[in-house]
Amino acid sequence: MISESIQSSRSITAELSPPILYQNGLPAGLNWLARSMQEKYGFAVELKLEDFVISQQDLIIVLFQSARELLFNTLKHSGVKSAIVALVKNGSDRIELVVSDAGKGFDECFSIRNSGRRLIF
């Protein structure tokens, strides 16, 4: 029972913060996430990643965790089986992460103006 708990804990840790993210950077981590979503949930993730380097480890982690959370929200609430993750450099000091889907959406009366699934760092 203890060994099962340890294995479960390691598995959860790897899913939340995969070693490939630290070893090979954000594009590799997002590719791993896309494969994982397809294998575990049959959810297709198309990646559109611009070629640039992010050197700040804390920013890499925030972007990865944000993409992961947005994809799970899409999986749970959109009613579709796919999404697109785009990561672009917007100017010299901004990075934009966009997760989009063709899902059913939400009632805009309950949303904050100009909110959505877009993070700009």
Foldseek 3Di string as FASTA:
>chain_A
DVVVVVVVVVVVVCLLPNPCCVVPHQVSLVVVLQVVCCVPPVAHEAEAEDDDDDDDSVVSSVLSNLVNVVVVCCVPPFPDRYWYWYWDADPDPKIKIDIGDPGPDDDCVPPDPPDDSMDMD
